[in-house]
């Protein structure tokens, strides 16, 4: 019912959700949305915590390629 505490609470939650949605989908200068940028930052933080970097991944792939080539699979 209009004016009840539950109705007002639902309206306020919908307004907060709408504001968060608009903020998350705002475009940055990089061309990414705020949400996409946040996800990339979280991935970078995870890599730093686990001690894995793009260079490490490149070296692993390079080593794998050499190993396969040496064994005649490539």
PDB file of N, CA and C in Angstrom:
ATOM      1  N   UNK A   1       0.828  -1.171   0.000  1.00  0.00           N
ATOM      2  CA  UNK A   1       0.000   0.000   0.000  1.00  0.00           C
ATOM      3  C   UNK A   1       0.880   1.244   0.000  1.00  0.00           C
ATOM      4  N   UNK A   2       0.439   2.232  -0.720  1.00  0.00           N
ATOM      5  CA  UNK A   2       1.179   3.485  -0.807  1.00  0.00           C
ATOM      6  C   UNK A   2       1.223   4.129   0.570  1.00  0.00           C
ATOM      7  N   UNK A   3       2.408   4.562   0.964  1.00  0.00           N
ATOM      8  CA  UNK A   3       2.570   5.221   2.258  1.00  0.00           C
ATOM      9  C   UNK A   3       2.987   4.283   3.372  1.00  0.00           C
ATOM     10  N   UNK A   4       2.919   2.981   3.154  1.00  0.00           N
ATOM     11  CA  UNK A   4       3.337   2.051   4.198  1.00  0.00           C
ATOM     12  C   UNK A   4       4.865   2.009   4.262  1.00  0.00           C
ATOM     13  N   UNK A   5       5.361   1.537   5.386  1.00  0.00           N
ATOM     14  CA  UNK A   5       6.817   1.467   5.566  1.00  0.00           C
ATOM     15  C   UNK A   5       7.460   0.541   4.535  1.00  0.00           C
ATOM     16  N   UNK A   6       6.815  -0.578   4.250  1.00  0.00           N
ATOM     17  CA  UNK A   6       7.348  -1.525   3.281  1.00  0.00           C
ATOM     18  C   UNK A   6       7.400  -0.912   1.883  1.00  0.00           C
ATOM     19  N   UNK A   7       6.390  -0.169   1.505  1.00  0.00           N
ATOM     20  CA  UNK A   7       6.345   0.487   0.200  1.00  0.00           C
ATOM     21  C   UNK A   7       7.465   1.510   0.097  1.00  0.00           C
ATOM     22  N   UNK A   8       7.608   2.343   1.124  1.00  0.00           N
ATOM     23  CA  UNK A   8       8.661   3.368   1.126  1.00  0.00           C
ATOM     24  C   UNK A   8      10.048   2.722   1.065  1.00  0.00           C
ATOM     25  N   UNK A   9      10.228   1.624   1.791  1.00  0.00           N
ATOM     26  CA  UNK A   9      11.503   0.916   1.791  1.00  0.00           C
ATOM     27  C   UNK A   9      11.813   0.376   0.396  1.00  0.00           C
ATOM     28  N   UNK A  10      10.817  -0.194  -0.264  1.00  0.00           N
ATOM     29  CA  UNK A  10      10.989  -0.740  -1.610  1.00  0.00           C
ATOM     30  C   UNK A  10      11.340   0.358  -2.604  1.00  0.00           C
ATOM     31  N   UNK A  11      10.664   1.498  -2.505  1.00  0.00           N
ATOM     32  CA  UNK A  11      10.942   2.637  -3.392  1.00  0.00           C
ATOM     33  C   UNK A  11      12.364   3.127  -3.186  1.00  0.00           C
ATOM     34  N   UNK A  12      12.803   3.249  -1.933  1.00  0.00           N
ATOM     35  CA  UNK A  12      14.156   3.716  -1.640  1.00  0.00           C
ATOM     36  C   UNK A  12      15.210   2.746  -2.164  1.00  0.00           C
ATOM     37  N   UNK A  13      14.961   1.444  -2.010  1.00  0.00           N
ATOM     38  CA  UNK A  13      15.896   0.441  -2.536  1.00  0.00           C
ATOM     39  C   UNK A  13      15.965   0.511  -4.056  1.00  0.00           C
ATOM     40  N   UNK A  14      14.843   0.729  -4.708  1.00  0.00           N
ATOM     41  CA  UNK A  14      14.817   0.843  -6.167  1.00  0.00           C
ATOM     42  C   UNK A  14      15.597   2.077  -6.622  1.00  0.00           C
ATOM     43  N   UNK A  15      15.467   3.171  -5.898  1.00  0.00           N
ATOM     44  CA  UNK A  15      16.219   4.385  -6.230  1.00  0.00           C
ATOM     45  C   UNK A  15      17.717   4.148  -6.081  1.00  0.00           C
ATOM     46  N   UNK A  16      18.128   3.475  -4.994  1.00  0.00           N
ATOM     47  CA  UNK A  16      19.549   3.180  -4.781  1.00  0.00           C
ATOM     48  C   UNK A  16      20.083   2.275  -5.887  1.00  0.00           C
ATOM     49  N   UNK A  17      19.278   1.262  -6.258  1.00  0.00           N
ATOM     50  CA  UNK A  17      19.685   0.342  -7.323  1.00  0.00           C
ATOM     51  C   UNK A  17      19.832   1.090  -8.644  1.00  0.00           C
ATOM     52  N   UNK A  18      18.931   1.997  -8.921  1.00  0.00           N
ATOM     53  CA  UNK A  18      18.974   2.785 -10.153  1.00  0.00           C
ATOM     54  C   UNK A  18      20.225   3.666 -10.186  1.00  0.00           C
ATOM     55  N   UNK A  19      20.545   4.297  -9.064  1.00  0.00           N
ATOM     56  CA  UNK A  19      21.737   5.147  -8.985  1.00  0.00           C
ATOM     57  C   UNK A  19      22.997   4.305  -9.187  1.00  0.00           C
ATOM     58  N   UNK A  20      23.059   3.126  -8.548  1.00  0.00           N
ATOM     59  CA  UNK A  20      24.226   2.245  -8.700  1.00  0.00           C
ATOM     60  C   UNK A  20      24.352   1.765 -10.139  1.00  0.00           C
ATOM     61  N   UNK A  21      23.231   1.414 -10.767  1.00  0.00           N
ATOM     62  CA  UNK A  21      23.237   0.968 -12.155  1.00  0.00           C
ATOM     63  C   UNK A  21      23.789   2.065 -13.070  1.00  0.00           C
ATOM     64  N   UNK A  22      23.309   3.290 -12.871  1.00  0.00           N
ATOM     65  CA  UNK A  22      23.786   4.406 -13.692  1.00  0.00           C
ATOM     66  C   UNK A  22      25.269   4.653 -13.477  1.00  0.00           C
ATOM     67  N   UNK A  23      25.731   4.572 -12.235  1.00  0.00           N
ATOM     68  CA  UNK A  23      27.142   4.797 -11.927  1.00  0.00           C
ATOM     69  C   UNK A  23      28.006   3.684 -12.527  1.00  0.00           C
ATOM     70  N   UNK A  24      27.585   2.433 -12.397  1.00  0.00           N
ATOM     71  CA  UNK A  24      28.361   1.307 -12.922  1.00  0.00           C
ATOM     72  C   UNK A  24      28.464   1.337 -14.443  1.00  0.00           C
ATOM     73  N   UNK A  25      27.494   1.896 -15.121  1.00  0.00           N
ATOM     74  CA  UNK A  25      27.474   1.909 -16.581  1.00  0.00           C
ATOM     75  C   UNK A  25      27.948   3.227 -17.185  1.00  0.00           C
ATOM     76  N   UNK A  26      28.491   4.100 -16.340  1.00  0.00           N
ATOM     77  CA  UNK A  26      29.053   5.364 -16.822  1.00  0.00           C
ATOM     78  C   UNK A  26      30.352   5.054 -17.560  1.00  0.00           C
ATOM     79  N   UNK A  27      30.547   5.693 -18.725  1.00  0.00           N
ATOM     80  CA  UNK A  27      31.746   5.459 -19.524  1.00  0.00           C
ATOM     81  C   UNK A  27      32.901   6.310 -19.018  1.00  0.00           C
ATOM     82  N   UNK A  28      34.068   5.684 -18.953  1.00  0.00           N
ATOM     83  CA  UNK A  28      35.287   6.390 -18.576  1.00  0.00           C
ATOM     84  C   UNK A  28      36.014   6.831 -19.842  1.00  0.00           C
ATOM     85  N   UNK A  29      37.061   7.631 -19.676  1.00  0.00           N
ATOM     86  CA  UNK A  29      37.835   8.099 -20.824  1.00  0.00           C
ATOM     87  C   UNK A  29      38.457   6.936 -21.592  1.00  0.00           C
ATOM     88  N   UNK A  30      38.726   5.833 -20.901  1.00  0.00           N
ATOM     89  CA  UNK A  30      39.338   4.666 -21.533  1.00  0.00           C
ATOM     90  C   UNK A  30      38.359   3.922 -22.451  1.00  0.00           C
ATOM     91  N   UNK A  31      37.087   4.259 -22.366  1.00  0.00           N
ATOM     92  CA  UNK A  31      36.077   3.574 -23.167  1.00  0.00           C
ATOM     93  C   UNK A  31      35.414   2.428 -22.424  1.00  0.00           C
ATOM     94  N   UNK A  32      35.911   2.135 -21.237  1.00  0.00           N
ATOM     95  CA  UNK A  32      35.319   1.092 -20.405  1.00  0.00           C
ATOM     96  C   UNK A  32      34.261   1.696 -19.497  1.00  0.00           C
ATOM     97  N   UNK A  33      33.349   0.856 -19.057  1.00  0.00           N
ATOM     98  CA  UNK A  33      32.407   1.320 -18.048  1.00  0.00           C
ATOM     99  C   UNK A  33      33.085   1.230 -16.684  1.00  0.00           C
ATOM    100  N   UNK A  34      32.508   1.875 -15.698  1.00  0.00           N
ATOM    101  CA  UNK A  34      33.057   1.835 -14.345  1.00  0.00           C
ATOM    102  C   UNK A  34      33.116   0.397 -13.846  1.00  0.00           C
ATOM    103  N   UNK A  35      32.073  -0.381 -14.127  1.00  0.00           N
ATOM    104  CA  UNK A  35      32.022  -1.773 -13.685  1.00  0.00           C
ATOM    105  C   UNK A  35      33.119  -2.606 -14.354  1.00  0.00           C
ATOM    106  N   UNK A  36      33.335  -2.418 -15.666  1.00  0.00           N
ATOM    107  CA  UNK A  36      34.383  -3.154 -16.365  1.00  0.00           C
ATOM    108  C   UNK A  36      35.763  -2.796 -15.818  1.00  0.00           C
ATOM    109  N   UNK A  37      35.977  -1.513 -15.555  1.00  0.00           N
ATOM    110  CA  UNK A  37      37.247  -1.059 -15.001  1.00  0.00           C
ATOM    111  C   UNK A  37      37.482  -1.676 -13.625  1.00  0.00           C
ATOM    112  N   UNK A  38      36.449  -1.731 -12.811  1.00  0.00           N
ATOM    113  CA  UNK A  38      36.554  -2.322 -11.476  1.00  0.00           C
ATOM    114  C   UNK A  38      36.913  -3.809 -11.575  1.00  0.00           C
ATOM    115  N   UNK A  39      36.300  -4.526 -12.529  1.00  0.00           N
ATOM    116  CA  UNK A  39      36.601  -5.947 -12.708  1.00  0.00           C
ATOM    117  C   UNK A  39      38.058  -6.145 -13.114  1.00  0.00           C
ATOM    118  N   UNK A  40      38.568  -5.294 -14.022  1.00  0.00           N
ATOM    119  CA  UNK A  40      39.962  -5.403 -14.435  1.00  0.00           C
ATOM    120  C   UNK A  40      40.909  -5.118 -13.282  1.00  0.00           C
ATOM    121  N   UNK A  41      40.572  -4.129 -12.458  1.00  0.00           N
ATOM    122  CA  UNK A  41      41.407  -3.824 -11.297  1.00  0.00           C
ATOM    123  C   UNK A  41      41.423  -4.990 -10.323  1.00  0.00           C
ATOM    124  N   UNK A  42      40.283  -5.648 -10.154  1.00  0.00           N
ATOM    125  CA  UNK A  42      40.219  -6.817  -9.276  1.00  0.00           C
ATOM    126  C   UNK A  42      41.073  -7.955  -9.824  1.00  0.00           C
ATOM    127  N   UNK A  43      41.079  -8.137 -11.155  1.00  0.00           N
ATOM    128  CA  UNK A  43      41.918  -9.175 -11.754  1.00  0.00           C
ATOM    129  C   UNK A  43      43.392  -8.852 -11.560  1.00  0.00           C
ATOM    130  N   UNK A  44      43.764  -7.569 -11.732  1.00  0.00           N
ATOM    131  CA  UNK A  44      45.152  -7.164 -11.516  1.00  0.00           C
ATOM    132  C   UNK A  44      45.566  -7.410 -10.080  1.00  0.00           C
ATOM    133  N   UNK A  45      44.674  -7.092  -9.132  1.00  0.00           N
ATOM    134  CA  UNK A  45      44.970  -7.305  -7.715  1.00  0.00           C
ATOM    135  C   UNK A  45      45.139  -8.801  -7.432  1.00  0.00           C
ATOM    136  N   UNK A  46      44.299  -9.625  -8.046  1.00  0.00           N
ATOM    137  CA  UNK A  46      44.396 -11.075  -7.856  1.00  0.00           C
ATOM    138  C   UNK A  46      45.736 -11.581  -8.379  1.00  0.00           C
ATOM    139  N   UNK A  47      46.157 -11.083  -9.562  1.00  0.00           N
ATOM    140  CA  UNK A  47      47.450 -11.485 -10.117  1.00  0.00           C
ATOM    141  C   UNK A  47      48.592 -11.100  -9.184  1.00  0.00           C
ATOM    142  N   UNK A  48      48.498  -9.918  -8.581  1.00  0.00           N
ATOM    143  CA  UNK A  48      49.554  -9.466  -7.674  1.00  0.00           C
ATOM    144  C   UNK A  48      49.598 -10.328  -6.420  1.00  0.00           C
ATOM    145  N   UNK A  49      48.436 -10.697  -5.922  1.00  0.00           N
ATOM    146  CA  UNK A  49      48.374 -11.535  -4.719  1.00  0.00           C
ATOM    147  C   UNK A  49      48.943 -12.916  -5.018  1.00  0.00           C
ATOM    148  N   UNK A  50      48.585 -13.477  -6.169  1.00  0.00           N
ATOM    149  CA  UNK A  50      49.038 -14.814  -6.523  1.00  0.00           C
ATOM    150  C   UNK A  50      50.451 -14.815  -7.084  1.00  0.00           C
ATOM    151  N   UNK A  51      50.995 -13.636  -7.355  1.00  0.00           N
ATOM    152  CA  UNK A  51      52.346 -13.543  -7.878  1.00  0.00           C
ATOM    153  C   UNK A  51      52.459 -13.910  -9.345  1.00  0.00           C
ATOM    154  N   UNK A  52      51.367 -13.796 -10.079  1.00  0.00           N
ATOM    155  CA  UNK A  52      51.367 -14.121 -11.498  1.00  0.00           C
ATOM    156  C   UNK A  52      51.242 -12.824 -12.280  1.00  0.00           C
ATOM    157  N   UNK A  53      52.069 -12.654 -13.289  1.00  0.00           N
ATOM    158  CA  UNK A  53      51.984 -11.461 -14.119  1.00  0.00           C
ATOM    159  C   UNK A  53      51.832 -11.875 -15.575  1.00  0.00           C
ATOM    160  N   UNK A  54      51.578 -10.898 -16.427  1.00  0.00           N
ATOM    161  CA  UNK A  54      51.486 -11.182 -17.855  1.00  0.00           C
ATOM    162  C   UNK A  54      52.817 -11.711 -18.375  1.00  0.00           C
ATOM    163  N   UNK A  55      53.924 -11.168 -17.845  1.00  0.00           N
ATOM    164  CA  UNK A  55      55.242 -11.639 -18.266  1.00  0.00           C
ATOM    165  C   UNK A  55      55.436 -13.097 -17.881  1.00  0.00           C
ATOM    166  N   UNK A  56      55.009 -13.454 -16.662  1.00  0.00           N
ATOM    167  CA  UNK A  56      55.113 -14.855 -16.233  1.00  0.00           C
ATOM    168  C   UNK A  56      54.328 -15.762 -17.166  1.00  0.00           C
ATOM    169  N   UNK A  57      53.129 -15.344 -17.502  1.00  0.00           N
ATOM    170  CA  UNK A  57      52.299 -16.141 -18.414  1.00  0.00           C
ATOM    171  C   UNK A  57      52.965 -16.269 -19.779  1.00  0.00           C
ATOM    172  N   UNK A  58      53.578 -15.177 -20.259  1.00  0.00           N
ATOM    173  CA  UNK A  58      54.276 -15.209 -21.539  1.00  0.00           C
ATOM    174  C   UNK A  58      55.452 -16.184 -21.482  1.00  0.00           C
ATOM    175  N   UNK A  59      56.207 -16.137 -20.397  1.00  0.00           N
ATOM    176  CA  UNK A  59      57.356 -17.026 -20.251  1.00  0.00           C
ATOM    177  C   UNK A  59      56.912 -18.485 -20.186  1.00  0.00           C
ATOM    178  N   UNK A  60      55.824 -18.748 -19.478  1.00  0.00           N
ATOM    179  CA  UNK A  60      55.308 -20.114 -19.389  1.00  0.00           C
ATOM    180  C   UNK A  60      54.911 -20.608 -20.773  1.00  0.00           C
ATOM    181  N   UNK A  61      54.184 -19.772 -21.521  1.00  0.00           N
ATOM    182  CA  UNK A  61      53.749 -20.161 -22.868  1.00  0.00           C
ATOM    183  C   UNK A  61      54.938 -20.334 -23.796  1.00  0.00           C
ATOM    184  N   UNK A  62      55.937 -19.462 -23.675  1.00  0.00           N
ATOM    185  CA  UNK A  62      57.143 -19.562 -24.501  1.00  0.00           C
ATOM    186  C   UNK A  62      57.877 -20.873 -24.189  1.00  0.00           C
ATOM    187  N   UNK A  63      57.980 -21.193 -22.913  1.00  0.00           N
ATOM    188  CA  UNK A  63      58.636 -22.432 -22.514  1.00  0.00           C
ATOM    189  C   UNK A  63      57.881 -23.653 -23.009  1.00  0.00           C
ATOM    190  N   UNK A  64      56.568 -23.589 -22.950  1.00  0.00           N
ATOM    191  CA  UNK A  64      55.738 -24.693 -23.433  1.00  0.00           C
ATOM    192  C   UNK A  64      55.924 -24.867 -24.930  1.00  0.00           C
ATOM    193  N   UNK A  65      55.969 -23.758 -25.654  1.00  0.00           N
ATOM    194  CA  UNK A  65      56.151 -23.803 -27.103  1.00  0.00           C
ATOM    195  C   UNK A  65      57.492 -24.442 -27.437  1.00  0.00           C
ATOM    196  N   UNK A  66      58.553 -24.045 -26.716  1.00  0.00           N
ATOM    197  CA  UNK A  66      59.871 -24.635 -26.946  1.00  0.00           C
ATOM    198  C   UNK A  66      59.874 -26.131 -26.641  1.00  0.00           C
ATOM    199  N   UNK A  67      59.228 -26.513 -25.562  1.00  0.00           N
ATOM    200  CA  UNK A  67      59.177 -27.922 -25.185  1.00  0.00           C
ATOM    201  C   UNK A  67      58.457 -28.740 -26.254  1.00  0.00           C
ATOM    202  N   UNK A  68      57.348 -28.231 -26.760  1.00  0.00           N
ATOM    203  CA  UNK A  68      56.607 -28.953 -27.800  1.00  0.00           C
ATOM    204  C   UNK A  68      57.411 -29.032 -29.092  1.00  0.00           C
ATOM    205  N   UNK A  69      58.101 -27.937 -29.428  1.00  0.00           N
ATOM    206  CA  UNK A  69      58.922 -27.922 -30.637  1.00  0.00           C
ATOM    207  C   UNK A  69      60.059 -28.929 -30.524  1.00  0.00           C
ATOM    208  N   UNK A  70      60.726 -28.955 -29.366  1.00  0.00           N
ATOM    209  CA  UNK A  70      61.838 -29.880 -29.159  1.00  0.00           C
ATOM    210  C   UNK A  70      61.395 -31.331 -29.224  1.00  0.00           C
ATOM    211  N   UNK A  71      60.185 -31.612 -28.867  1.00  0.00           N
ATOM    212  CA  UNK A  71      59.685 -32.984 -28.883  1.00  0.00           C
ATOM    213  C   UNK A  71      59.039 -33.344 -30.227  1.00  0.00           C
ATOM    214  N   UNK A  72      59.040 -32.394 -31.167  1.00  0.00           N
ATOM    215  CA  UNK A  72      58.528 -32.646 -32.503  1.00  0.00           C
ATOM    216  C   UNK A  72      57.026 -32.530 -32.645  1.00  0.00           C
ATOM    217  N   UNK A  73      56.355 -31.920 -31.660  1.00  0.00           N
ATOM    218  CA  UNK A  73      54.906 -31.750 -31.764  1.00  0.00           C
ATOM    219  C   UNK A  73      54.509 -30.476 -32.474  1.00  0.00           C
ATOM    220  N   UNK A  74      55.448 -29.583 -32.704  1.00  0.00           N
ATOM    221  CA  UNK A  74      55.145 -28.331 -33.420  1.00  0.00           C
ATOM    222  C   UNK A  74      56.092 -28.155 -34.569  1.00  0.00           C
TER     223      UNK A  74
END
